[in-house]
């Protein structure tokens, strides 16, 4: 289950979007993953290992399950829009300031052609903004994810239609920096 009620992200992400995105879209990826892994060497592996080791349709569906869970876990009702201390320190060290990081992450989301994800990944004390098309996932590339933003249209179309910029602006108002801080530790 989500760590919040379906209507708690409103007005930034509507209850209807959550019902479709989480309740139907993600559910289809879960069903497909379970069907594709059944009776294979992936059947008993944890999700992150399926993502690391699989390819083709199984990878696409399993990665989308991981990506979506990771995304939804780091959202919360509007509140603290600034990173917590450890994350702030890493952002300052790697990007100069939170404002600079936010601008670069936003730009990556705006310029990613088509559908995909924008990730903040960590390698030791180095942070990197990692845009990825389709279901691509940093685990497949030995990168440790901290935050992701879904830039597939299904993440925002019901709320902002084709206005990806408005969706990204809204995203920053509901990032759960406490969840991201836990991922750093």
C-alpha atoms as a PDB file:
ATOM      1  CA  UNK A   1       0.000   0.000   0.000  1.00  0.00           C
ATOM      2  CA  UNK A   2       0.959   3.619  -0.495  1.00  0.00           C
ATOM      3  CA  UNK A   3       2.436   5.376   2.540  1.00  0.00           C
ATOM      4  CA  UNK A   4      -0.347   7.989   2.223  1.00  0.00           C
ATOM      5  CA  UNK A   5      -4.016   8.201   1.204  1.00  0.00           C
ATOM      6  CA  UNK A   6      -4.765   8.419  -2.525  1.00  0.00           C
ATOM      7  CA  UNK A   7      -5.997  12.005  -2.130  1.00  0.00           C
ATOM      8  CA  UNK A   8      -3.101  13.287   0.038  1.00  0.00           C
ATOM      9  CA  UNK A   9      -0.934  14.534  -2.832  1.00  0.00           C
ATOM     10  CA  UNK A  10      -3.686  16.823  -4.148  1.00  0.00           C
ATOM     11  CA  UNK A  11      -3.694  19.387  -5.583  1.00  0.00           C
ATOM     12  CA  UNK A  12      -0.261  18.520  -7.010  1.00  0.00           C
ATOM     13  CA  UNK A  13      -1.151  14.974  -8.032  1.00  0.00           C
ATOM     14  CA  UNK A  14      -4.856  14.202  -8.011  1.00  0.00           C
ATOM     15  CA  UNK A  15      -6.564  11.227  -6.439  1.00  0.00           C
ATOM     16  CA  UNK A  16      -7.710  10.183  -9.925  1.00  0.00           C
ATOM     17  CA  UNK A  17      -4.107  10.155 -11.190  1.00  0.00           C
ATOM     18  CA  UNK A  18      -3.034   8.051  -8.190  1.00  0.00           C
ATOM     19  CA  UNK A  19      -5.904   5.637  -8.798  1.00  0.00           C
ATOM     20  CA  UNK A  20      -4.874   5.144 -12.416  1.00  0.00           C
ATOM     21  CA  UNK A  21      -1.110   5.443 -12.081  1.00  0.00           C
ATOM     22  CA  UNK A  22      -0.660   3.410  -8.904  1.00  0.00           C
ATOM     23  CA  UNK A  23      -3.851   1.371  -8.859  1.00  0.00           C
ATOM     24  CA  UNK A  24      -4.050   0.299 -12.507  1.00  0.00           C
ATOM     25  CA  UNK A  25      -0.847   1.141 -14.377  1.00  0.00           C
ATOM     26  CA  UNK A  26       1.565  -0.189 -11.757  1.00  0.00           C
ATOM     27  CA  UNK A  27      -0.725  -3.148 -11.101  1.00  0.00           C
ATOM     28  CA  UNK A  28      -0.398  -4.155 -14.772  1.00  0.00           C
ATOM     29  CA  UNK A  29       3.416  -4.094 -14.496  1.00  0.00           C
ATOM     30  CA  UNK A  30       3.219  -6.264 -11.379  1.00  0.00           C
ATOM     31  CA  UNK A  31       0.916  -8.779 -13.079  1.00  0.00           C
ATOM     32  CA  UNK A  32       3.128  -8.893 -16.176  1.00  0.00           C
ATOM     33  CA  UNK A  33       6.288  -9.327 -14.090  1.00  0.00           C
ATOM     34  CA  UNK A  34       4.744 -12.189 -12.145  1.00  0.00           C
ATOM     35  CA  UNK A  35       3.626 -13.929 -15.346  1.00  0.00           C
ATOM     36  CA  UNK A  36       6.970 -13.450 -17.108  1.00  0.00           C
ATOM     37  CA  UNK A  37       9.110 -14.683 -14.208  1.00  0.00           C
ATOM     38  CA  UNK A  38       6.937 -17.695 -13.368  1.00  0.00           C
ATOM     39  CA  UNK A  39       8.848 -20.941 -13.829  1.00  0.00           C
ATOM     40  CA  UNK A  40      12.118 -19.192 -14.743  1.00  0.00           C
ATOM     41  CA  UNK A  41      15.409 -18.691 -12.914  1.00  0.00           C
ATOM     42  CA  UNK A  42      13.987 -15.298 -11.824  1.00  0.00           C
ATOM     43  CA  UNK A  43      10.980 -16.752 -10.013  1.00  0.00           C
ATOM     44  CA  UNK A  44      12.415 -16.573  -6.484  1.00  0.00           C
ATOM     45  CA  UNK A  45      14.715 -13.558  -6.899  1.00  0.00           C
ATOM     46  CA  UNK A  46      13.966 -10.256  -5.176  1.00  0.00           C
ATOM     47  CA  UNK A  47      12.795  -7.487  -7.482  1.00  0.00           C
ATOM     48  CA  UNK A  48      16.094  -5.571  -7.504  1.00  0.00           C
ATOM     49  CA  UNK A  49      17.946  -8.710  -8.658  1.00  0.00           C
ATOM     50  CA  UNK A  50      15.410  -9.337 -11.413  1.00  0.00           C
ATOM     51  CA  UNK A  51      16.029  -5.765 -12.576  1.00  0.00           C
ATOM     52  CA  UNK A  52      19.813  -6.255 -12.489  1.00  0.00           C
ATOM     53  CA  UNK A  53      19.861  -9.630 -14.243  1.00  0.00           C
ATOM     54  CA  UNK A  54      16.942  -9.725 -16.680  1.00  0.00           C
ATOM     55  CA  UNK A  55      16.391  -8.331 -20.153  1.00  0.00           C
ATOM     56  CA  UNK A  56      13.590  -7.883 -22.664  1.00  0.00           C
ATOM     57  CA  UNK A  57       9.990  -7.942 -21.515  1.00  0.00           C
ATOM     58  CA  UNK A  58      10.777  -9.194 -18.018  1.00  0.00           C
ATOM     59  CA  UNK A  59      13.268  -6.376 -17.478  1.00  0.00           C
ATOM     60  CA  UNK A  60      10.856  -3.746 -18.841  1.00  0.00           C
ATOM     61  CA  UNK A  61       8.060  -4.828 -16.513  1.00  0.00           C
ATOM     62  CA  UNK A  62      10.181  -5.543 -13.425  1.00  0.00           C
ATOM     63  CA  UNK A  63      12.078  -2.271 -13.814  1.00  0.00           C
ATOM     64  CA  UNK A  64       8.810  -0.384 -14.097  1.00  0.00           C
ATOM     65  CA  UNK A  65       7.588  -2.051 -10.886  1.00  0.00           C
ATOM     66  CA  UNK A  66      10.794  -0.985  -9.105  1.00  0.00           C
ATOM     67  CA  UNK A  67      10.783   2.493 -10.647  1.00  0.00           C
ATOM     68  CA  UNK A  68       7.172   3.155  -9.693  1.00  0.00           C
ATOM     69  CA  UNK A  69       7.499   1.899  -6.115  1.00  0.00           C
ATOM     70  CA  UNK A  70      10.667   3.950  -5.703  1.00  0.00           C
ATOM     71  CA  UNK A  71       8.896   7.026  -7.064  1.00  0.00           C
ATOM     72  CA  UNK A  72       5.740   6.684  -4.960  1.00  0.00           C
ATOM     73  CA  UNK A  73       7.724   5.971  -1.757  1.00  0.00           C
ATOM     74  CA  UNK A  74       9.439   9.358  -1.962  1.00  0.00           C
ATOM     75  CA  UNK A  75       6.304  11.476  -2.266  1.00  0.00           C
ATOM     76  CA  UNK A  76       4.167  12.913   0.531  1.00  0.00           C
ATOM     77  CA  UNK A  77       1.605  15.597   1.158  1.00  0.00           C
ATOM     78  CA  UNK A  78       2.930  19.112   0.746  1.00  0.00           C
ATOM     79  CA  UNK A  79       5.308  20.130   3.461  1.00  0.00           C
ATOM     80  CA  UNK A  80       9.059  20.428   3.755  1.00  0.00           C
ATOM     81  CA  UNK A  81      10.354  21.297   0.296  1.00  0.00           C
ATOM     82  CA  UNK A  82      14.017  21.220   1.313  1.00  0.00           C
ATOM     83  CA  UNK A  83      16.404  18.308   1.773  1.00  0.00           C
ATOM     84  CA  UNK A  84      17.366  17.133   5.251  1.00  0.00           C
ATOM     85  CA  UNK A  85      20.946  17.674   6.548  1.00  0.00           C
ATOM     86  CA  UNK A  86      22.883  14.743   5.017  1.00  0.00           C
ATOM     87  CA  UNK A  87      21.162  15.118   1.661  1.00  0.00           C
ATOM     88  CA  UNK A  88      21.623  18.903   1.744  1.00  0.00           C
ATOM     89  CA  UNK A  89      25.331  18.431   2.418  1.00  0.00           C
ATOM     90  CA  UNK A  90      25.688  16.018  -0.511  1.00  0.00           C
ATOM     91  CA  UNK A  91      23.732  18.295  -2.830  1.00  0.00           C
ATOM     92  CA  UNK A  92      25.788  21.338  -1.844  1.00  0.00           C
ATOM     93  CA  UNK A  93      29.020  19.394  -2.310  1.00  0.00           C
ATOM     94  CA  UNK A  94      28.038  18.042  -5.735  1.00  0.00           C
ATOM     95  CA  UNK A  95      25.904  20.808  -7.243  1.00  0.00           C
ATOM     96  CA  UNK A  96      26.805  23.962  -5.312  1.00  0.00           C
ATOM     97  CA  UNK A  97      23.340  24.521  -3.884  1.00  0.00           C
ATOM     98  CA  UNK A  98      19.875  23.023  -3.723  1.00  0.00           C
ATOM     99  CA  UNK A  99      18.673  25.657  -6.196  1.00  0.00           C
ATOM    100  CA  UNK A 100      21.355  24.598  -8.707  1.00  0.00           C
ATOM    101  CA  UNK A 101      20.536  20.916  -8.220  1.00  0.00           C
ATOM    102  CA  UNK A 102      16.806  21.526  -8.593  1.00  0.00           C
ATOM    103  CA  UNK A 103      17.387  23.522 -11.779  1.00  0.00           C
ATOM    104  CA  UNK A 104      19.575  20.771 -13.310  1.00  0.00           C
ATOM    105  CA  UNK A 105      17.189  17.969 -12.293  1.00  0.00           C
ATOM    106  CA  UNK A 106      14.238  19.950 -13.663  1.00  0.00           C
ATOM    107  CA  UNK A 107      16.109  20.594 -16.916  1.00  0.00           C
ATOM    108  CA  UNK A 108      16.862  16.881 -17.256  1.00  0.00           C
ATOM    109  CA  UNK A 109      13.142  16.167 -16.876  1.00  0.00           C
ATOM    110  CA  UNK A 110      12.170  18.843 -19.370  1.00  0.00           C
ATOM    111  CA  UNK A 111      14.645  17.730 -22.024  1.00  0.00           C
ATOM    112  CA  UNK A 112      14.243  13.964 -21.767  1.00  0.00           C
ATOM    113  CA  UNK A 113      12.674  13.176 -25.110  1.00  0.00           C
ATOM    114  CA  UNK A 114       9.689  10.872 -24.954  1.00  0.00           C
ATOM    115  CA  UNK A 115       9.074   8.825 -21.838  1.00  0.00           C
ATOM    116  CA  UNK A 116      11.320   7.859 -18.991  1.00  0.00           C
ATOM    117  CA  UNK A 117      12.718   8.727 -15.600  1.00  0.00           C
ATOM    118  CA  UNK A 118      15.090  11.241 -14.093  1.00  0.00           C
ATOM    119  CA  UNK A 119      17.168   9.748 -11.292  1.00  0.00           C
ATOM    120  CA  UNK A 120      19.422  11.140  -8.618  1.00  0.00           C
ATOM    121  CA  UNK A 121      22.034   8.453  -8.061  1.00  0.00           C
ATOM    122  CA  UNK A 122      24.929   8.127  -5.645  1.00  0.00           C
ATOM    123  CA  UNK A 123      28.328   6.527  -5.980  1.00  0.00           C
ATOM    124  CA  UNK A 124      30.137   6.923  -2.657  1.00  0.00           C
ATOM    125  CA  UNK A 125      29.928  10.687  -2.020  1.00  0.00           C
ATOM    126  CA  UNK A 126      29.351  11.618  -5.668  1.00  0.00           C
ATOM    127  CA  UNK A 127      25.822  12.448  -6.807  1.00  0.00           C
ATOM    128  CA  UNK A 128      24.747  12.383 -10.433  1.00  0.00           C
ATOM    129  CA  UNK A 129      21.559  13.304 -12.252  1.00  0.00           C
ATOM    130  CA  UNK A 130      20.854  10.388 -14.521  1.00  0.00           C
ATOM    131  CA  UNK A 131      18.074  10.755 -17.146  1.00  0.00           C
ATOM    132  CA  UNK A 132      16.885   7.431 -18.535  1.00  0.00           C
ATOM    133  CA  UNK A 133      14.438   6.570 -21.284  1.00  0.00           C
ATOM    134  CA  UNK A 134      11.633   4.053 -21.038  1.00  0.00           C
ATOM    135  CA  UNK A 135      12.074   1.565 -18.147  1.00  0.00           C
ATOM    136  CA  UNK A 136      15.832   2.049 -17.770  1.00  0.00           C
ATOM    137  CA  UNK A 137      17.009   1.656 -14.211  1.00  0.00           C
ATOM    138  CA  UNK A 138      20.251   2.680 -12.455  1.00  0.00           C
ATOM    139  CA  UNK A 139      20.572  -0.714 -10.721  1.00  0.00           C
ATOM    140  CA  UNK A 140      21.315  -2.229 -14.120  1.00  0.00           C
ATOM    141  CA  UNK A 141      24.336   0.097 -14.299  1.00  0.00           C
ATOM    142  CA  UNK A 142      25.589  -0.395 -10.710  1.00  0.00           C
ATOM    143  CA  UNK A 143      24.315   3.005  -9.629  1.00  0.00           C
ATOM    144  CA  UNK A 144      22.591   3.533  -6.262  1.00  0.00           C
ATOM    145  CA  UNK A 145      19.288   5.445  -6.639  1.00  0.00           C
ATOM    146  CA  UNK A 146      18.160   8.090  -4.147  1.00  0.00           C
ATOM    147  CA  UNK A 147      15.288   9.845  -5.931  1.00  0.00           C
ATOM    148  CA  UNK A 148      13.395   9.501  -9.174  1.00  0.00           C
ATOM    149  CA  UNK A 149      10.841  11.489 -11.114  1.00  0.00           C
ATOM    150  CA  UNK A 150       8.514   9.748 -13.532  1.00  0.00           C
ATOM    151  CA  UNK A 151       8.273  11.714 -16.779  1.00  0.00           C
ATOM    152  CA  UNK A 152       6.010   9.319 -18.640  1.00  0.00           C
ATOM    153  CA  UNK A 153       2.836  11.201 -19.582  1.00  0.00           C
ATOM    154  CA  UNK A 154       0.664   8.851 -17.526  1.00  0.00           C
ATOM    155  CA  UNK A 155       2.264  10.384 -14.407  1.00  0.00           C
ATOM    156  CA  UNK A 156       0.750  13.790 -15.100  1.00  0.00           C
ATOM    157  CA  UNK A 157      -1.606  13.830 -18.078  1.00  0.00           C
ATOM    158  CA  UNK A 158      -4.858  13.745 -16.092  1.00  0.00           C
ATOM    159  CA  UNK A 159      -3.667  16.682 -13.972  1.00  0.00           C
ATOM    160  CA  UNK A 160      -1.643  18.933 -16.269  1.00  0.00           C
ATOM    161  CA  UNK A 161      -2.288  17.366 -19.713  1.00  0.00           C
ATOM    162  CA  UNK A 162       0.879  17.883 -21.772  1.00  0.00           C
ATOM    163  CA  UNK A 163       2.348  20.520 -19.414  1.00  0.00           C
ATOM    164  CA  UNK A 164       5.369  18.575 -18.168  1.00  0.00           C
ATOM    165  CA  UNK A 165       6.846  21.783 -16.734  1.00  0.00           C
ATOM    166  CA  UNK A 166       3.842  22.248 -14.423  1.00  0.00           C
ATOM    167  CA  UNK A 167       4.051  18.609 -13.321  1.00  0.00           C
ATOM    168  CA  UNK A 168       7.756  19.031 -12.493  1.00  0.00           C
ATOM    169  CA  UNK A 169       7.041  22.240 -10.580  1.00  0.00           C
ATOM    170  CA  UNK A 170       4.406  20.318  -8.589  1.00  0.00           C
ATOM    171  CA  UNK A 171       6.782  17.380  -8.038  1.00  0.00           C
ATOM    172  CA  UNK A 172       9.150  19.551  -6.003  1.00  0.00           C
ATOM    173  CA  UNK A 173       6.323  20.432  -3.597  1.00  0.00           C
ATOM    174  CA  UNK A 174       5.724  16.793  -2.630  1.00  0.00           C
ATOM    175  CA  UNK A 175       9.167  15.164  -2.526  1.00  0.00           C
ATOM    176  CA  UNK A 176       9.536  13.364   0.790  1.00  0.00           C
ATOM    177  CA  UNK A 177      13.066  14.381   1.740  1.00  0.00           C
ATOM    178  CA  UNK A 178      12.861  12.212   4.832  1.00  0.00           C
ATOM    179  CA  UNK A 179      12.521   9.122   2.604  1.00  0.00           C
ATOM    180  CA  UNK A 180      15.438  10.315   0.449  1.00  0.00           C
ATOM    181  CA  UNK A 181      17.558  10.946   3.554  1.00  0.00           C
ATOM    182  CA  UNK A 182      16.931   7.355   4.705  1.00  0.00           C
ATOM    183  CA  UNK A 183      18.144   6.114   1.316  1.00  0.00           C
ATOM    184  CA  UNK A 184      21.378   8.068   1.746  1.00  0.00           C
ATOM    185  CA  UNK A 185      22.072   6.409   5.079  1.00  0.00           C
END
